[in-house]
């Protein structure tokens, strides 16, 4: 499916894809699998929750499909499923001691957050209130996304001091990248419709300060950068591109993280001006 969605000109077939999905009830099947993933967990691992949402995430890259997902009530299904209770727990982290909270973090950062971005990009003002409400339903995840990037010795909260916030991962960087874009878009839309679009509680100013620290402390960033999974471990052992070398990167993993941190800085700087 990923290969099919990468075919040049696939955007011209979006309506056909939506019709195929409807004929096979694909969205309902994926949402049902997500809803039951806590019951189908393998040794406490709700892996089917991640797989089902990643399936929908791939499809949501097409604007017409993202619009259909929103019309089918996807955001409501995400927040009303039993898994939402597990996502709200304070121990959800890429470095949690058990596989369940680790998977919940992966579901949030890999699937839910980019899904929200795709849906918001496709529908804008129409879906903005729902997107903001989804984010505000997970205050612990929103707060920890910032706390993970706290500069060493500068933790603002007890939670940050007690967490493994001194480690940086590519997934956590991707998480704040998507959240920065979402909150920036919501802020722009909210300027014309503050009554209907709630303000998302996210410390963008504090995050920008910390991103500046890590970009200015590249040796420390390199030391604290931890690969998650075999693919990222491979990236850490591979040389960066020529552009990455010119910017002082020593591996492809570092280059990817630095690229995203720089984009986060650009987005948040524009948002604060």
Protein backbone atom coordinates (compact mmCIF):
# COMPACT_ATOMS: atom_id res chain seq x y z
CA UNK A 1 0.00 0.00 0.00
CA UNK A 2 2.86 2.37 0.81
CA UNK A 3 4.33 1.72 -2.65
CA UNK A 4 0.95 2.36 -4.30
CA UNK A 5 0.49 5.65 -2.46
CA UNK A 6 3.93 6.80 -3.71
CA UNK A 7 3.04 6.35 -7.39
CA UNK A 8 3.30 9.71 -9.22
CA UNK A 9 -0.12 11.18 -9.88
CA UNK A 10 -1.85 9.19 -7.12
CA UNK A 11 -3.52 12.42 -5.97
CA UNK A 12 -5.71 12.26 -9.06
CA UNK A 13 -7.15 8.95 -7.82
CA UNK A 14 -8.15 10.09 -4.33
CA UNK A 15 -11.89 9.75 -4.93
CA UNK A 16 -11.40 6.23 -6.26
CA UNK A 17 -9.35 5.31 -3.17
CA UNK A 18 -12.10 6.65 -0.89
CA UNK A 19 -14.67 4.55 -2.79
CA UNK A 20 -12.51 1.42 -2.47
CA UNK A 21 -12.11 2.05 1.27
CA UNK A 22 -15.88 2.47 1.63
CA UNK A 23 -16.60 -0.70 -0.36
CA UNK A 24 -14.39 -2.75 1.94
CA UNK A 25 -15.34 -0.88 5.13
CA UNK A 26 -11.61 -0.31 5.70
CA UNK A 27 -11.94 2.60 8.13
CA UNK A 28 -14.43 0.75 10.34
CA UNK A 29 -12.20 -2.34 10.41
CA UNK A 30 -9.09 -0.31 11.33
CA UNK A 31 -10.93 1.70 13.99
CA UNK A 32 -12.41 -1.49 15.47
CA UNK A 33 -8.95 -3.04 15.67
CA UNK A 34 -7.69 0.09 17.42
CA UNK A 35 -10.62 0.02 19.83
CA UNK A 36 -9.96 -3.62 20.75
CA UNK A 37 -6.16 -3.35 20.84
CA UNK A 38 -6.00 -3.17 24.64
CA UNK A 39 -7.91 -6.48 24.83
CA UNK A 40 -5.81 -8.08 22.08
CA UNK A 41 -2.50 -6.98 23.64
CA UNK A 42 0.32 -9.49 23.38
CA UNK A 43 1.89 -9.71 26.85
CA UNK A 44 0.68 -6.20 27.60
CA UNK A 45 1.72 -4.81 24.22
CA UNK A 46 -1.21 -3.15 22.32
CA UNK A 47 0.68 -3.47 19.03
CA UNK A 48 -2.52 -3.65 16.96
CA UNK A 49 -3.40 -0.15 18.13
CA UNK A 50 -0.26 1.15 16.47
CA UNK A 51 -0.64 -0.93 13.30
CA UNK A 52 -4.25 0.12 12.74
CA UNK A 53 -3.52 3.84 13.12
CA UNK A 54 -0.37 3.66 10.99
CA UNK A 55 -2.55 2.14 8.25
CA UNK A 56 -4.92 5.12 8.48
CA UNK A 57 -1.99 7.56 8.74
CA UNK A 58 -0.61 6.39 5.39
CA UNK A 59 -4.00 6.96 3.77
CA UNK A 60 -4.51 10.35 5.46
CA UNK A 61 -1.59 11.78 3.49
CA UNK A 62 -4.17 12.18 0.70
CA UNK A 63 -6.34 15.24 1.56
CA UNK A 64 -9.63 13.75 0.29
CA UNK A 65 -9.01 10.60 2.34
CA UNK A 66 -8.12 12.68 5.42
CA UNK A 67 -11.39 14.56 4.98
CA UNK A 68 -13.32 11.29 4.79
CA UNK A 69 -11.59 9.99 7.93
CA UNK A 70 -12.68 13.12 9.78
CA UNK A 71 -16.25 12.75 8.50
CA UNK A 72 -16.24 9.15 9.73
CA UNK A 73 -15.53 10.42 13.24
CA UNK A 74 -11.95 9.18 13.52
CA UNK A 75 -10.93 11.74 16.15
CA UNK A 76 -13.83 10.79 18.37
CA UNK A 77 -12.93 7.09 18.04
CA UNK A 78 -9.34 7.85 19.06
CA UNK A 79 -10.36 9.64 22.26
CA UNK A 80 -13.25 7.37 23.23
CA UNK A 81 -11.44 4.02 22.90
CA UNK A 82 -10.20 2.27 26.04
CA UNK A 83 -6.64 2.86 24.90
CA UNK A 84 -7.09 6.59 25.55
CA UNK A 85 -7.10 5.80 29.28
CA UNK A 86 -3.69 4.15 28.98
CA UNK A 87 -2.37 7.05 26.87
CA UNK A 88 -3.34 9.46 29.67
CA UNK A 89 -1.18 7.72 32.28
CA UNK A 90 1.95 9.55 33.46
CA UNK A 91 4.33 6.64 32.75
CA UNK A 92 3.86 6.73 28.96
CA UNK A 93 7.36 7.24 27.58
CA UNK A 94 9.83 5.85 25.03
CA UNK A 95 11.92 4.75 28.04
CA UNK A 96 9.13 3.25 30.15
CA UNK A 97 10.07 0.14 32.11
CA UNK A 98 7.38 -2.03 30.50
CA UNK A 99 6.34 -2.58 26.90
CA UNK A 100 2.75 -1.29 27.30
CA UNK A 101 3.60 2.36 28.08
CA UNK A 102 6.37 2.25 25.46
CA UNK A 103 3.86 1.16 22.82
CA UNK A 104 1.35 3.78 23.96
CA UNK A 105 4.00 6.46 23.44
CA UNK A 106 4.72 5.07 19.98
CA UNK A 107 1.00 5.15 19.14
CA UNK A 108 0.84 8.79 20.23
CA UNK A 109 4.03 10.06 18.60
CA UNK A 110 4.09 7.89 15.46
CA UNK A 111 0.40 7.80 14.64
CA UNK A 112 -1.99 10.08 16.52
CA UNK A 113 -0.01 13.34 16.34
CA UNK A 114 0.85 13.10 12.60
CA UNK A 115 -2.75 11.97 11.91
CA UNK A 116 -4.00 15.14 13.59
CA UNK A 117 -1.61 17.19 11.46
CA UNK A 118 -2.81 15.58 8.22
CA UNK A 119 -6.47 16.03 9.11
CA UNK A 120 -5.91 19.64 10.17
CA UNK A 121 -3.97 20.39 6.99
CA UNK A 122 -6.79 18.95 4.88
CA UNK A 123 -9.77 20.58 6.64
CA UNK A 124 -8.36 23.63 8.44
CA UNK A 125 -10.93 25.74 10.27
CA UNK A 126 -13.63 23.06 10.02
CA UNK A 127 -11.78 20.47 12.09
CA UNK A 128 -9.59 22.82 14.20
CA UNK A 129 -11.86 22.78 17.32
CA UNK A 130 -11.82 18.95 17.39
CA UNK A 131 -8.05 18.78 16.93
CA UNK A 132 -7.50 21.23 19.80
CA UNK A 133 -9.83 19.23 22.04
CA UNK A 134 -7.98 16.00 21.28
CA UNK A 135 -4.65 17.56 22.25
CA UNK A 136 -6.10 19.03 25.45
CA UNK A 137 -7.42 15.59 26.40
CA UNK A 138 -3.83 14.39 26.84
CA UNK A 139 -2.15 17.04 29.06
CA UNK A 140 0.42 14.60 30.41
CA UNK A 141 1.67 13.71 26.93
CA UNK A 142 1.71 17.36 25.88
CA UNK A 143 3.73 18.35 28.96
CA UNK A 144 6.17 15.44 28.71
CA UNK A 145 6.87 16.23 25.04
CA UNK A 146 8.46 19.47 26.26
CA UNK A 147 10.02 18.02 29.42
CA UNK A 148 11.96 15.44 27.40
CA UNK A 149 14.00 18.29 25.91
CA UNK A 150 14.79 20.06 29.19
CA UNK A 151 18.39 21.22 29.21
CA UNK A 152 20.48 19.31 31.80
CA UNK A 153 20.25 21.03 35.18
CA UNK A 154 17.42 23.31 34.07
CA UNK A 155 14.35 21.15 34.73
CA UNK A 156 11.31 23.28 35.51
CA UNK A 157 9.16 20.58 37.05
CA UNK A 158 9.50 17.68 39.44
CA UNK A 159 8.21 15.35 36.74
CA UNK A 160 11.02 16.39 34.43
CA UNK A 161 13.63 15.91 37.15
CA UNK A 162 12.41 12.41 37.79
CA UNK A 163 12.18 11.36 34.13
CA UNK A 164 14.80 10.27 31.67
CA UNK A 165 14.57 13.64 29.98
CA UNK A 166 18.33 13.73 29.40
CA UNK A 167 18.00 11.35 26.42
CA UNK A 168 17.01 12.53 22.94
CA UNK A 169 15.36 10.28 20.35
CA UNK A 170 14.39 10.76 16.73
CA UNK A 171 10.77 9.88 17.56
CA UNK A 172 10.55 12.50 20.32
CA UNK A 173 12.00 15.07 17.93
CA UNK A 174 9.43 14.09 15.30
CA UNK A 175 6.72 14.44 17.96
CA UNK A 176 7.59 18.06 18.81
CA UNK A 177 8.01 18.84 15.11
CA UNK A 178 4.42 17.79 14.39
CA UNK A 179 3.10 19.44 17.57
CA UNK A 180 4.85 22.70 16.67
CA UNK A 181 3.18 22.71 13.26
CA UNK A 182 -0.24 21.81 14.69
CA UNK A 183 -0.17 24.46 17.42
CA UNK A 184 1.11 27.07 14.96
CA UNK A 185 -1.77 26.35 12.56
CA UNK A 186 -4.31 26.33 15.41
CA UNK A 187 -2.96 29.63 16.70
CA UNK A 188 -3.35 31.22 13.26
CA UNK A 189 -6.90 29.90 12.90
CA UNK A 190 -7.75 30.91 16.45
CA UNK A 191 -6.89 34.52 15.68
CA UNK A 192 -10.12 34.69 13.67
CA UNK A 193 -12.20 32.28 15.74
CA UNK A 194 -11.11 32.28 19.37
CA UNK A 195 -14.62 31.43 20.57
CA UNK A 196 -14.81 28.01 18.89
CA UNK A 197 -11.16 26.91 18.92
CA UNK A 198 -9.82 26.25 22.43
CA UNK A 199 -6.29 27.32 23.27
CA UNK A 200 -3.95 24.33 23.42
CA UNK A 201 -1.87 24.17 26.61
CA UNK A 202 1.68 23.62 25.37
CA UNK A 203 4.83 25.39 26.53
CA UNK A 204 6.16 26.39 23.12
CA UNK A 205 8.31 29.18 24.57
CA UNK A 206 10.01 26.78 26.97
CA UNK A 207 10.50 24.24 24.20
CA UNK A 208 12.04 26.84 21.88
CA UNK A 209 14.53 27.74 24.60
CA UNK A 210 15.49 24.08 25.02
CA UNK A 211 15.74 23.45 21.28
CA UNK A 212 18.14 26.39 21.06
CA UNK A 213 20.22 24.78 23.82
CA UNK A 214 20.51 21.41 22.06
CA UNK A 215 21.33 22.96 18.69
CA UNK A 216 24.05 24.99 20.40
CA UNK A 217 25.42 21.94 22.29
CA UNK A 218 26.01 19.51 19.48
CA UNK A 219 28.59 17.37 21.30
CA UNK A 220 26.18 16.87 24.19
CA UNK A 221 23.31 16.20 21.77
CA UNK A 222 25.40 13.52 20.10
CA UNK A 223 26.14 11.89 23.45
CA UNK A 224 22.48 11.91 24.54
CA UNK A 225 21.05 10.74 21.20
CA UNK A 226 19.63 7.23 21.63
CA UNK A 227 18.45 5.07 18.69
CA UNK A 228 15.08 3.31 19.03
CA UNK A 229 15.04 0.07 17.07
CA UNK A 230 17.42 -1.52 14.55
CA UNK A 231 16.76 0.98 11.75
CA UNK A 232 17.82 3.95 13.88
CA UNK A 233 20.81 1.98 15.17
CA UNK A 234 21.81 1.51 11.53
CA UNK A 235 21.39 5.25 10.90
CA UNK A 236 23.64 6.00 13.86
CA UNK A 237 26.38 3.93 12.26
CA UNK A 238 26.03 5.51 8.81
CA UNK A 239 27.84 8.62 7.64
CA UNK A 240 25.74 11.74 7.04
CA UNK A 241 25.19 13.37 3.67
CA UNK A 242 27.62 16.03 2.46
CA UNK A 243 25.17 18.68 3.67
CA UNK A 244 25.07 17.01 7.08
CA UNK A 245 28.86 16.87 7.29
CA UNK A 246 29.03 20.58 6.47
CA UNK A 247 26.78 21.25 9.47
CA UNK A 248 28.90 19.17 11.84
CA UNK A 249 26.81 15.97 11.93
CA UNK A 250 28.63 12.67 12.42
CA UNK A 251 25.82 10.22 11.56
CA UNK A 252 22.60 10.03 9.58
CA UNK A 253 20.63 9.77 12.81
CA UNK A 254 22.16 12.99 14.12
CA UNK A 255 21.51 14.70 10.79
CA UNK A 256 17.82 13.74 10.85
CA UNK A 257 17.41 14.98 14.42
CA UNK A 258 19.27 18.24 13.78
CA UNK A 259 17.16 18.89 10.66
CA UNK A 260 13.95 18.50 12.64
CA UNK A 261 15.17 20.57 15.58
CA UNK A 262 16.06 23.39 13.19
CA UNK A 263 12.60 23.20 11.63
CA UNK A 264 11.00 23.25 15.10
CA UNK A 265 13.03 26.35 15.93
CA UNK A 266 11.91 28.04 12.72
CA UNK A 267 8.22 27.21 13.26
CA UNK A 268 8.18 28.25 16.91
CA UNK A 269 10.15 31.43 16.27
CA UNK A 270 7.60 32.48 13.68
CA UNK A 271 4.79 31.57 16.05
CA UNK A 272 6.13 33.78 18.82
CA UNK A 273 6.71 36.84 16.66
